[in-house]
N, C-alpha and C. Protein backbone atom coordinates (compact mmCIF):
# COMPACT_ATOMS: atom_id res chain seq x y z
N MET A 1 31.84 -51.59 197.74
CA MET A 1 31.71 -52.99 197.35
C MET A 1 31.29 -53.03 195.88
N ASN A 2 32.00 -53.81 195.09
CA ASN A 2 31.67 -53.85 193.67
C ASN A 2 30.49 -54.79 193.39
N ASN A 3 30.00 -54.76 192.18
CA ASN A 3 28.84 -55.55 191.80
C ASN A 3 29.07 -57.04 191.95
N ASN A 4 30.28 -57.51 191.63
CA ASN A 4 30.58 -58.94 191.79
C ASN A 4 30.45 -59.38 193.23
N MET A 5 30.86 -58.53 194.16
CA MET A 5 30.79 -58.90 195.56
C MET A 5 29.34 -58.97 196.05
N GLN A 6 28.47 -58.13 195.51
CA GLN A 6 27.09 -58.13 195.95
C GLN A 6 26.39 -59.44 195.60
N ILE A 7 26.77 -60.06 194.49
CA ILE A 7 26.14 -61.31 194.10
C ILE A 7 26.96 -62.53 194.53
N ALA A 8 28.08 -62.30 195.21
CA ALA A 8 28.96 -63.42 195.59
C ALA A 8 28.26 -64.41 196.50
N GLY A 9 27.36 -63.93 197.35
CA GLY A 9 26.66 -64.84 198.24
C GLY A 9 25.63 -65.70 197.53
N VAL A 10 25.24 -65.32 196.32
CA VAL A 10 24.22 -66.04 195.58
C VAL A 10 24.84 -66.95 194.52
N ASN A 11 25.58 -66.36 193.60
CA ASN A 11 26.14 -67.12 192.49
C ASN A 11 27.63 -67.41 192.65
N GLY A 12 28.28 -66.70 193.52
CA GLY A 12 29.72 -66.85 193.65
C GLY A 12 30.43 -66.04 192.59
N ILE A 13 31.74 -66.03 192.69
CA ILE A 13 32.58 -65.35 191.71
C ILE A 13 33.38 -66.42 190.99
N THR A 14 33.27 -66.46 189.69
CA THR A 14 34.00 -67.44 188.90
C THR A 14 35.18 -66.76 188.23
N LYS A 15 36.35 -67.35 188.39
CA LYS A 15 37.58 -66.83 187.78
C LYS A 15 38.23 -67.96 186.99
N LYS A 16 39.06 -67.56 186.03
CA LYS A 16 39.70 -68.55 185.16
C LYS A 16 41.17 -68.22 184.98
N VAL A 17 41.95 -69.26 184.70
CA VAL A 17 43.33 -69.10 184.25
C VAL A 17 43.33 -69.50 182.79
N ILE A 18 43.79 -68.59 181.95
CA ILE A 18 43.81 -68.79 180.50
C ILE A 18 45.25 -68.98 180.05
N ASP A 19 45.49 -69.97 179.20
CA ASP A 19 46.82 -70.21 178.65
C ASP A 19 47.22 -69.01 177.79
N PRO A 20 48.41 -68.42 178.03
CA PRO A 20 48.79 -67.23 177.27
C PRO A 20 49.07 -67.48 175.79
N ILE A 21 49.35 -68.72 175.41
CA ILE A 21 49.68 -69.03 174.02
C ILE A 21 48.46 -69.51 173.26
N THR A 22 47.79 -70.53 173.79
CA THR A 22 46.65 -71.12 173.08
C THR A 22 45.33 -70.42 173.37
N ARG A 23 45.28 -69.60 174.41
CA ARG A 23 44.08 -68.88 174.85
C ARG A 23 42.95 -69.82 175.30
N GLU A 24 43.30 -71.05 175.66
CA GLU A 24 42.26 -71.95 176.17
C GLU A 24 42.19 -71.87 177.69
N ASN A 25 41.03 -72.18 178.22
CA ASN A 25 40.80 -72.16 179.66
C ASN A 25 41.47 -73.40 180.29
N VAL A 26 42.37 -73.19 181.25
CA VAL A 26 43.06 -74.31 181.87
C VAL A 26 42.61 -74.55 183.32
N LEU A 27 41.91 -73.58 183.91
CA LEU A 27 41.46 -73.72 185.30
C LEU A 27 40.25 -72.84 185.50
N THR A 28 39.22 -73.39 186.13
CA THR A 28 38.03 -72.63 186.48
C THR A 28 37.78 -72.79 187.97
N ILE A 29 37.62 -71.65 188.65
CA ILE A 29 37.37 -71.66 190.09
C ILE A 29 36.16 -70.78 190.38
N THR A 30 35.28 -71.28 191.25
CA THR A 30 34.17 -70.46 191.75
C THR A 30 34.35 -70.32 193.25
N PHE A 31 34.46 -69.08 193.71
CA PHE A 31 34.54 -68.77 195.13
C PHE A 31 33.13 -68.41 195.58
N LEU A 32 32.66 -69.03 196.67
CA LEU A 32 31.26 -68.89 197.05
C LEU A 32 31.13 -68.77 198.56
N ARG A 33 30.37 -67.77 199.00
CA ARG A 33 30.02 -67.65 200.42
C ARG A 33 28.55 -68.02 200.55
N GLU A 34 28.28 -69.12 201.23
CA GLU A 34 26.90 -69.58 201.37
C GLU A 34 26.69 -70.21 202.73
N ASN A 35 25.60 -69.85 203.38
CA ASN A 35 25.23 -70.43 204.68
C ASN A 35 26.36 -70.37 205.69
N GLY A 36 27.12 -69.28 205.70
CA GLY A 36 28.21 -69.13 206.66
C GLY A 36 29.46 -69.90 206.31
N LEU A 37 29.50 -70.55 205.16
CA LEU A 37 30.66 -71.32 204.73
C LEU A 37 31.34 -70.61 203.57
N PHE A 38 32.65 -70.78 203.47
CA PHE A 38 33.40 -70.29 202.31
C PHE A 38 33.78 -71.52 201.51
N THR A 39 33.19 -71.65 200.34
CA THR A 39 33.35 -72.84 199.52
C THR A 39 34.10 -72.50 198.24
N VAL A 40 34.94 -73.43 197.80
CA VAL A 40 35.65 -73.29 196.54
C VAL A 40 35.28 -74.48 195.66
N ARG A 41 34.86 -74.17 194.44
CA ARG A 41 34.64 -75.21 193.43
C ARG A 41 35.70 -75.02 192.37
N CYS A 42 36.33 -76.11 191.98
CA CYS A 42 37.44 -75.98 191.05
C CYS A 42 37.51 -77.20 190.14
N ARG A 43 37.98 -76.95 188.93
CA ARG A 43 38.19 -78.04 187.96
C ARG A 43 39.35 -77.66 187.04
N SER A 44 40.29 -78.60 186.87
CA SER A 44 41.40 -78.36 185.96
C SER A 44 42.10 -79.66 185.62
N LYS A 45 42.08 -80.02 184.36
CA LYS A 45 42.81 -81.21 183.93
C LYS A 45 44.31 -80.96 183.93
N GLN A 46 44.75 -79.74 183.63
CA GLN A 46 46.18 -79.42 183.57
C GLN A 46 46.83 -79.44 184.95
N PHE A 47 46.19 -78.83 185.95
CA PHE A 47 46.75 -78.86 187.30
C PHE A 47 46.72 -80.28 187.86
N HIS A 48 45.65 -81.02 187.56
CA HIS A 48 45.56 -82.42 187.98
C HIS A 48 46.74 -83.21 187.42
N LYS A 49 46.98 -83.07 186.14
CA LYS A 49 48.07 -83.80 185.48
C LYS A 49 49.44 -83.38 186.04
N TYR A 50 49.61 -82.09 186.30
CA TYR A 50 50.87 -81.58 186.84
C TYR A 50 51.21 -82.23 188.18
N PHE A 51 50.26 -82.22 189.12
CA PHE A 51 50.53 -82.81 190.43
C PHE A 51 50.59 -84.33 190.38
N LYS A 52 49.81 -84.94 189.51
CA LYS A 52 49.86 -86.39 189.36
C LYS A 52 51.23 -86.83 188.86
N ASN A 53 51.79 -86.09 187.90
CA ASN A 53 53.09 -86.46 187.34
C ASN A 53 54.24 -86.32 188.31
N GLN A 54 54.16 -85.38 189.24
CA GLN A 54 55.28 -85.23 190.16
C GLN A 54 55.07 -85.98 191.47
N ALA A 55 53.89 -86.54 191.71
CA ALA A 55 53.58 -87.18 192.98
C ALA A 55 54.46 -88.38 193.36
N PRO A 56 54.81 -89.31 192.46
CA PRO A 56 55.53 -90.51 192.91
C PRO A 56 56.86 -90.24 193.62
N ASP A 57 57.61 -89.25 193.18
CA ASP A 57 58.91 -88.97 193.78
C ASP A 57 58.90 -87.70 194.61
N ALA A 58 57.74 -87.21 194.97
CA ALA A 58 57.66 -85.93 195.66
C ALA A 58 58.13 -86.03 197.10
N GLU A 59 58.55 -84.88 197.62
CA GLU A 59 59.12 -84.83 198.96
C GLU A 59 58.09 -84.58 200.04
N TYR A 60 56.92 -84.10 199.70
CA TYR A 60 55.99 -83.66 200.74
C TYR A 60 54.61 -84.25 200.54
N GLY A 61 53.99 -84.70 201.63
CA GLY A 61 52.62 -85.18 201.59
C GLY A 61 52.00 -85.03 202.97
N ASP A 62 50.71 -84.99 203.04
CA ASP A 62 50.00 -84.82 204.31
C ASP A 62 49.39 -86.14 204.76
N ASN A 63 49.63 -86.54 206.01
CA ASN A 63 48.86 -87.61 206.63
C ASN A 63 48.76 -88.83 205.71
N ASP A 64 49.90 -89.32 205.24
CA ASP A 64 49.95 -90.45 204.32
C ASP A 64 49.19 -90.19 203.03
N GLY A 65 49.18 -88.95 202.59
CA GLY A 65 48.52 -88.62 201.34
C GLY A 65 47.03 -88.37 201.46
N LYS A 66 46.47 -88.46 202.66
CA LYS A 66 45.02 -88.24 202.84
C LYS A 66 44.75 -86.84 203.37
N TRP A 67 43.69 -86.23 202.90
CA TRP A 67 43.26 -84.95 203.45
C TRP A 67 42.45 -85.22 204.71
N ASP A 68 42.41 -84.27 205.60
CA ASP A 68 41.64 -84.42 206.83
C ASP A 68 40.16 -84.08 206.63
N ARG A 69 39.86 -83.39 205.56
CA ARG A 69 38.47 -82.99 205.34
C ARG A 69 37.76 -84.00 204.44
N VAL A 70 36.45 -83.91 204.39
CA VAL A 70 35.65 -84.86 203.63
C VAL A 70 34.93 -84.12 202.50
N ILE A 71 34.96 -84.71 201.32
CA ILE A 71 34.21 -84.19 200.18
C ILE A 71 33.39 -85.35 199.62
N ARG A 72 32.12 -85.10 199.36
CA ARG A 72 31.23 -86.15 198.85
C ARG A 72 31.23 -87.40 199.73
N ARG A 73 31.30 -87.20 201.03
CA ARG A 73 31.25 -88.26 202.05
C ARG A 73 32.43 -89.22 202.03
N ASN A 74 33.41 -89.00 201.16
CA ASN A 74 34.58 -89.87 201.13
C ASN A 74 35.83 -89.02 201.33
N PRO A 75 36.84 -89.56 202.00
CA PRO A 75 38.09 -88.78 202.10
C PRO A 75 38.69 -88.59 200.71
N ILE A 76 39.16 -87.39 200.45
CA ILE A 76 39.79 -87.09 199.18
C ILE A 76 41.29 -87.25 199.34
N THR A 77 41.90 -87.94 198.44
CA THR A 77 43.34 -88.13 198.47
C THR A 77 43.99 -86.95 197.77
N SER A 78 45.10 -86.51 198.33
CA SER A 78 45.81 -85.40 197.69
C SER A 78 47.14 -85.90 197.14
N PHE A 79 47.57 -85.30 196.04
CA PHE A 79 48.86 -85.63 195.48
C PHE A 79 49.96 -84.99 196.30
N LYS A 80 51.08 -85.66 196.40
CA LYS A 80 52.27 -85.05 196.98
C LYS A 80 52.86 -84.10 195.96
N PHE A 81 53.81 -83.28 196.38
CA PHE A 81 54.40 -82.34 195.44
C PHE A 81 55.85 -82.09 195.80
N HIS A 82 56.61 -81.65 194.81
CA HIS A 82 58.01 -81.29 195.04
C HIS A 82 58.08 -79.94 195.72
N ARG A 83 58.91 -79.86 196.71
CA ARG A 83 59.07 -78.59 197.42
C ARG A 83 59.79 -77.59 196.52
N SER A 84 59.20 -76.43 196.36
CA SER A 84 59.80 -75.42 195.48
C SER A 84 60.79 -74.57 196.27
N ASP A 85 61.55 -73.77 195.55
CA ASP A 85 62.50 -72.87 196.20
C ASP A 85 61.80 -71.72 196.89
N SER A 86 60.59 -71.41 196.45
CA SER A 86 59.84 -70.29 197.03
C SER A 86 59.16 -70.74 198.32
N HIS A 87 59.53 -70.11 199.43
CA HIS A 87 58.92 -70.44 200.71
C HIS A 87 57.42 -70.16 200.69
N ASN A 88 57.02 -69.04 200.07
CA ASN A 88 55.61 -68.68 200.03
C ASN A 88 54.78 -69.69 199.25
N GLU A 89 55.30 -70.15 198.12
CA GLU A 89 54.58 -71.14 197.32
C GLU A 89 54.45 -72.45 198.08
N TYR A 90 55.53 -72.87 198.71
CA TYR A 90 55.51 -74.09 199.52
C TYR A 90 54.48 -73.97 200.64
N GLN A 91 54.46 -72.83 201.31
CA GLN A 91 53.51 -72.58 202.40
C GLN A 91 52.07 -72.67 201.90
N SER A 92 51.81 -72.15 200.70
CA SER A 92 50.45 -72.13 200.18
C SER A 92 49.93 -73.52 199.84
N LEU A 93 50.82 -74.43 199.48
CA LEU A 93 50.41 -75.76 199.04
C LEU A 93 50.35 -76.81 200.15
N ARG A 94 50.99 -76.58 201.26
CA ARG A 94 51.20 -77.66 202.22
C ARG A 94 50.22 -77.73 203.39
N ASN A 95 49.45 -76.74 203.66
CA ASN A 95 48.76 -76.66 204.94
C ASN A 95 47.32 -77.14 204.97
N TRP A 96 46.96 -78.10 204.18
CA TRP A 96 45.57 -78.56 204.21
C TRP A 96 45.24 -79.19 205.56
N GLY A 97 44.23 -78.67 206.23
CA GLY A 97 43.76 -79.24 207.49
C GLY A 97 44.68 -79.00 208.67
N LYS A 98 45.77 -78.27 208.50
CA LYS A 98 46.71 -78.05 209.60
C LYS A 98 46.17 -77.03 210.59
N SER A 99 45.57 -75.96 210.09
CA SER A 99 45.01 -74.91 210.93
C SER A 99 43.56 -74.70 210.54
N ALA A 100 42.69 -74.72 211.52
CA ALA A 100 41.26 -74.57 211.21
C ALA A 100 40.97 -73.17 210.69
N ASN A 101 40.21 -73.09 209.62
CA ASN A 101 39.70 -71.84 209.06
C ASN A 101 40.79 -70.85 208.65
N THR A 102 41.94 -71.31 208.27
CA THR A 102 43.00 -70.40 207.84
C THR A 102 42.93 -70.21 206.34
N LEU A 103 42.60 -68.99 205.93
CA LEU A 103 42.55 -68.66 204.51
C LEU A 103 43.88 -68.11 204.03
N LEU A 104 44.49 -67.24 204.82
CA LEU A 104 45.73 -66.57 204.43
C LEU A 104 46.80 -66.77 205.50
N PHE A 105 48.02 -67.04 205.04
CA PHE A 105 49.16 -67.19 205.94
C PHE A 105 50.05 -65.97 205.83
N GLN A 106 50.90 -65.78 206.84
CA GLN A 106 51.82 -64.64 206.83
C GLN A 106 53.02 -64.91 205.93
N ASP A 107 53.40 -63.87 205.19
CA ASP A 107 54.63 -63.97 204.41
C ASP A 107 55.82 -63.59 205.30
N ASP A 108 56.99 -63.49 204.72
CA ASP A 108 58.19 -63.18 205.50
C ASP A 108 58.13 -61.81 206.18
N ASN A 109 57.30 -60.92 205.66
CA ASN A 109 57.17 -59.57 206.24
C ASN A 109 56.03 -59.47 207.25
N GLY A 110 55.36 -60.59 207.54
CA GLY A 110 54.27 -60.58 208.51
C GLY A 110 52.92 -60.18 207.94
N VAL A 111 52.84 -60.02 206.62
CA VAL A 111 51.60 -59.64 205.97
C VAL A 111 50.83 -60.91 205.59
N PHE A 112 49.53 -60.92 205.86
CA PHE A 112 48.70 -62.07 205.52
C PHE A 112 48.39 -62.02 204.02
N SER A 113 49.26 -62.61 203.20
CA SER A 113 49.10 -62.53 201.76
C SER A 113 49.25 -63.87 201.06
N ILE A 114 49.57 -64.94 201.80
CA ILE A 114 49.77 -66.25 201.17
C ILE A 114 48.48 -67.06 201.31
N PRO A 115 47.81 -67.37 200.19
CA PRO A 115 46.55 -68.10 200.28
C PRO A 115 46.77 -69.59 200.54
N ASN A 116 45.85 -70.19 201.27
CA ASN A 116 45.87 -71.63 201.48
C ASN A 116 45.21 -72.28 200.27
N ILE A 117 46.04 -72.74 199.32
CA ILE A 117 45.51 -73.35 198.10
C ILE A 117 45.88 -74.83 198.02
N SER A 118 46.01 -75.47 199.17
CA SER A 118 46.40 -76.88 199.18
C SER A 118 45.36 -77.76 198.49
N TRP A 119 44.12 -77.31 198.37
CA TRP A 119 43.07 -78.07 197.70
C TRP A 119 43.37 -78.28 196.21
N ILE A 120 44.29 -77.51 195.66
CA ILE A 120 44.62 -77.64 194.23
C ILE A 120 45.29 -79.00 193.95
N ARG A 121 45.76 -79.69 195.00
CA ARG A 121 46.42 -80.99 194.84
C ARG A 121 45.44 -82.17 194.86
N ALA A 122 44.15 -81.92 194.81
CA ALA A 122 43.16 -83.00 194.89
C ALA A 122 43.29 -83.97 193.72
N THR A 123 43.19 -85.25 194.03
CA THR A 123 43.32 -86.26 192.97
C THR A 123 42.10 -86.30 192.05
N THR A 124 41.02 -85.64 192.44
CA THR A 124 39.82 -85.60 191.60
C THR A 124 39.62 -84.23 190.97
N LEU A 125 40.68 -83.43 190.90
CA LEU A 125 40.58 -82.09 190.34
C LEU A 125 40.17 -82.12 188.87
N ASP A 126 40.51 -83.19 188.15
CA ASP A 126 40.17 -83.27 186.73
C ASP A 126 38.67 -83.38 186.50
N ILE A 127 37.93 -83.96 187.45
CA ILE A 127 36.47 -84.04 187.32
C ILE A 127 35.76 -82.95 188.11
N GLY A 128 36.49 -82.29 188.99
CA GLY A 128 35.95 -81.18 189.76
C GLY A 128 35.83 -81.50 191.24
N ILE A 129 36.09 -80.49 192.07
CA ILE A 129 35.98 -80.64 193.52
C ILE A 129 35.14 -79.50 194.08
N LYS A 130 34.59 -79.73 195.24
CA LYS A 130 33.91 -78.70 196.01
C LYS A 130 34.44 -78.83 197.43
N VAL A 131 35.12 -77.78 197.90
CA VAL A 131 35.80 -77.83 199.18
C VAL A 131 35.32 -76.69 200.06
N VAL A 132 35.00 -76.99 201.32
CA VAL A 132 34.73 -75.94 202.29
C VAL A 132 36.08 -75.51 202.84
N VAL A 133 36.52 -74.32 202.45
CA VAL A 133 37.82 -73.82 202.87
C VAL A 133 37.75 -73.23 204.26
N CYS A 134 36.64 -72.61 204.60
CA CYS A 134 36.47 -71.98 205.90
C CYS A 134 35.02 -72.17 206.33
N ASN A 135 34.81 -72.71 207.53
CA ASN A 135 33.44 -72.99 207.95
C ASN A 135 32.87 -71.93 208.90
N SER A 136 33.39 -70.72 208.79
CA SER A 136 32.82 -69.59 209.51
C SER A 136 32.67 -68.43 208.54
N PRO A 137 31.77 -67.49 208.82
CA PRO A 137 31.55 -66.37 207.89
C PRO A 137 32.83 -65.58 207.63
N VAL A 138 32.99 -65.15 206.39
CA VAL A 138 34.17 -64.40 205.96
C VAL A 138 33.72 -63.02 205.50
N ASP A 139 34.39 -61.99 206.02
CA ASP A 139 34.03 -60.63 205.63
C ASP A 139 34.46 -60.36 204.19
N PRO A 140 33.83 -59.38 203.53
CA PRO A 140 34.12 -59.11 202.12
C PRO A 140 35.59 -58.79 201.83
N GLU A 141 36.25 -58.09 202.74
CA GLU A 141 37.66 -57.74 202.51
C GLU A 141 38.55 -58.98 202.46
N ARG A 142 38.38 -59.89 203.42
CA ARG A 142 39.17 -61.14 203.42
C ARG A 142 38.80 -62.00 202.22
N PHE A 143 37.52 -62.03 201.87
CA PHE A 143 37.06 -62.79 200.71
C PHE A 143 37.75 -62.29 199.44
N ASN A 144 37.74 -60.98 199.24
CA ASN A 144 38.41 -60.39 198.06
C ASN A 144 39.90 -60.68 198.06
N ARG A 145 40.53 -60.49 199.21
CA ARG A 145 41.97 -60.71 199.31
C ARG A 145 42.32 -62.16 199.00
N TYR A 146 41.54 -63.11 199.54
CA TYR A 146 41.80 -64.53 199.28
C TYR A 146 41.61 -64.85 197.79
N CYS A 147 40.53 -64.37 197.19
CA CYS A 147 40.27 -64.64 195.77
C CYS A 147 41.39 -64.08 194.90
N ASP A 148 41.77 -62.84 195.14
CA ASP A 148 42.81 -62.20 194.33
C ASP A 148 44.16 -62.89 194.49
N SER A 149 44.55 -63.17 195.73
CA SER A 149 45.87 -63.79 195.93
C SER A 149 45.88 -65.23 195.44
N THR A 150 44.77 -65.94 195.54
CA THR A 150 44.68 -67.31 195.02
C THR A 150 44.88 -67.31 193.51
N MET A 151 44.20 -66.42 192.82
CA MET A 151 44.33 -66.36 191.36
C MET A 151 45.73 -65.93 190.95
N LYS A 152 46.34 -65.03 191.72
CA LYS A 152 47.71 -64.60 191.42
C LYS A 152 48.67 -65.79 191.54
N TYR A 153 48.53 -66.56 192.62
CA TYR A 153 49.41 -67.71 192.82
C TYR A 153 49.20 -68.79 191.77
N LEU A 154 47.95 -69.10 191.46
CA LEU A 154 47.67 -70.16 190.49
C LEU A 154 48.08 -69.76 189.07
N SER A 155 47.89 -68.50 188.72
CA SER A 155 48.33 -68.02 187.40
C SER A 155 49.85 -68.08 187.29
N LYS A 156 50.53 -67.65 188.34
CA LYS A 156 51.99 -67.68 188.34
C LYS A 156 52.49 -69.13 188.29
N MET A 157 51.85 -70.01 189.04
CA MET A 157 52.24 -71.42 189.03
C MET A 157 52.06 -72.02 187.64
N TYR A 158 50.95 -71.70 186.99
CA TYR A 158 50.72 -72.22 185.65
C TYR A 158 51.77 -71.68 184.68
N ASN A 159 52.01 -70.38 184.72
CA ASN A 159 52.98 -69.77 183.81
C ASN A 159 54.40 -70.27 184.05
N ASP A 160 54.77 -70.49 185.32
CA ASP A 160 56.13 -70.93 185.64
C ASP A 160 56.38 -72.40 185.34
N TYR A 161 55.38 -73.26 185.57
CA TYR A 161 55.62 -74.70 185.53
C TYR A 161 54.89 -75.47 184.44
N MET A 162 53.82 -74.92 183.88
CA MET A 162 53.00 -75.74 183.00
C MET A 162 52.86 -75.24 181.57
N THR A 163 53.29 -74.03 181.27
CA THR A 163 53.19 -73.55 179.90
C THR A 163 54.39 -74.02 179.09
N ARG A 164 54.16 -74.12 177.81
CA ARG A 164 55.27 -74.46 176.92
C ARG A 164 56.12 -73.22 176.74
N LYS A 165 57.39 -73.40 176.86
CA LYS A 165 58.29 -72.27 176.68
C LYS A 165 58.62 -72.16 175.19
N GLN A 166 58.43 -70.99 174.64
CA GLN A 166 58.69 -70.77 173.23
C GLN A 166 59.63 -69.58 173.08
N SER A 167 60.58 -69.74 172.22
CA SER A 167 61.51 -68.66 171.94
C SER A 167 60.91 -67.74 170.90
N LYS A 168 61.10 -66.46 171.09
CA LYS A 168 60.61 -65.49 170.11
C LYS A 168 61.75 -64.93 169.29
N GLY A 169 62.96 -65.42 169.53
CA GLY A 169 64.11 -64.92 168.80
C GLY A 169 64.44 -65.80 167.62
N LYS A 170 65.37 -65.35 166.81
CA LYS A 170 65.81 -66.11 165.65
C LYS A 170 67.26 -66.52 165.85
N ILE A 171 67.57 -67.67 165.39
CA ILE A 171 68.95 -68.13 165.41
C ILE A 171 69.49 -67.93 164.00
N THR A 172 70.56 -67.19 163.91
CA THR A 172 71.16 -66.94 162.59
C THR A 172 72.63 -67.32 162.62
N THR A 173 73.15 -67.58 161.47
CA THR A 173 74.58 -67.90 161.37
C THR A 173 75.20 -66.96 160.35
N LYS A 174 76.48 -66.77 160.50
CA LYS A 174 77.20 -65.91 159.57
C LYS A 174 78.36 -66.71 159.02
N LEU A 175 78.42 -66.79 157.72
CA LEU A 175 79.50 -67.51 157.08
C LEU A 175 80.63 -66.55 156.75
N GLU A 176 81.82 -66.97 157.08
CA GLU A 176 82.97 -66.13 156.77
C GLU A 176 83.93 -66.93 155.88
N ASN A 177 84.61 -66.22 155.04
CA ASN A 177 85.61 -66.87 154.21
C ASN A 177 86.80 -67.27 155.06
N LEU A 178 87.27 -68.45 154.88
CA LEU A 178 88.40 -68.95 155.66
C LEU A 178 89.73 -68.85 154.92
N SER A 179 89.81 -68.05 153.90
CA SER A 179 91.03 -67.97 153.10
C SER A 179 92.14 -67.21 153.78
């Protein structure tokens, strides 16, 4: 067990997604095991804006856009989202409240590697959320696997959909005599 895991029950583990071009922090997540609960704290203006912008015409939503869980004593509304071509990504975003205490879903090969990150669609993500993802104790191996796969998915999602695409090549022309 590494040093981060030993203090995970006290301070949690904080991870970030950094923009590859501007080097600014675009997402901060704290994974925390406390009092038998697995809690996620998250804040991101960029992910909030991304899901907000695609919500009006999106194909998928849960329970009329409402989450089944409660945060700060009020139901949290979730943004709808466009279904992606990736089955795994779609699976990770859609299952809020569908299965109790499910942290990881099976991929096409039967391996539990798809994290339940449906909380990333929260309409209050720009100011920050605190979500109980699992209300039973989680062993260190599952905790590590969930944290690592969640960060992998969110980093890939940011890089694929939210970064500015910049060309590193040059466009040149060659003039030829037309005589």
